């Protein structure tokens, strides 16, 4: 084990054995009079000079842009129609009719109705697949279409498939297939379990099946970090591009958990609203009368590309992904840290990764689930990072579509990018009696015009998983 010499002549062992340590240029050289115990003033000067101003990526091979978006939502499968209904302040929450929920204390959700995969999944496979997989495949192919990469088109054929990947996560996986398999085992024995039970239940199969359909042979896996999943996937996918491992990535999240065991599980956690008499107003982030989150479902997927790759194929550049961060509260299975340290640290690191100063951010698409502890914990963490809240607008997509679990960040990223593109922020509906501690403009109940400079989108999940991504208008 080697050692290197510090500016203060201390012998510090070098543990990695991989590369030679080099003294930062901002530190004084040996022999310049630096004593073992540096004075506080000189130490402050050293630290201050070592802190560089935020610097954004300029290399077109490492800049990551968004060239396509696709979704499946309670408001349909068209991105523009989805955002129009968000701007109108429409609630997609209603009573569950997919199964008999009459004996549950919560009987409503953001249930998708009338979903069709026609033109995207062949009939035989469509009948077998779990909705979690169907939503993934349809939203992924729609994202490619919006990026000008229709299957079989000349543009698609020119893509180097070995350098094209898929990273779509899910919090719950193929829950319907899993539930049906368990029921078959109990009622009829193991011989009646479908051979698709394991393949369609595991969380990686959405990414795998989508890649099989489109031929992308690059990085392919899933991430499952509960409700933080989609942002984890964006962060990981963008880093594949930044490291030069991929030119293009499909990334996001998918979820379909509105079935008896899914609803019952969250009821058992005491996490859901029970406002059965008025489902449309049940999801009310930052309102004093909030009583829990509302389940939702769907999928949201972005096409991420290096700027160099996008420009070479003359792709439609929608916005830019500047950076992101992920971390863990290391605190509790379901509750956020009271001091907000995990969330505030994650936001700070996302801005560092993006090369953005806090003062540049003027829009936050919040996690904002409508839970008593979670809503204020997020607000308190945001206040730690952003000292001046007067210029920042913050809204809650979940107030209209519910909490889509692993897909939440995907659908909210699309809402964030649409806000950047349109100059309009959708409202946070059901703001009847706001919490006084929320010292932000929450775009309460009515859309607002707003030119977005820098936006962040927050997602947090059970287990203390935190994820934040940073988006901005694309500027060549």
Foldseek 3Di string as FASTA:
>chain_A
DAWDADLQRDTDDDPPPPDDDDDPPLDDHHPPPAHNDHDPVVVVVSVVVVDDAQDFDDPLLQWKFFQFKWKQALQGTDLVSVLVCLQVVAFQKDFDDPDDPPPPLAGMFSDRPPDDCPPQDDPVVVVVAQVQLSLLRSRLQRRCVSFVQHAPDPLLVPFPLQQEFEEEWEAFFRVVLQVVQVVCCVPPNNVPRDPCSVLRRDTQNSRVVNCVVSVRNYDGGYDHAKFQGQLVFVQVVSVCSNVVSHFKYKGAYFFDQPDVVSSVVVVVVQAAFSPNVDGLLQQAFQAPPHRHFHEFGMAMITMMGRSVSCVVSVTRGLWTWQFKFKDFQPPAQFAADQQLVRALVRVVVRCSSSSHQLVQFAEEAEQRRRHDRVRVSNLNSNCVRRVDQARHEYEYSCSRRIRHIRRNQRSSVSLVSVCQRPQKHRARESRDHGDPSNPHNHNYPHMDGHNGAKYKYWTARRRRMTMIIIIGGDDD
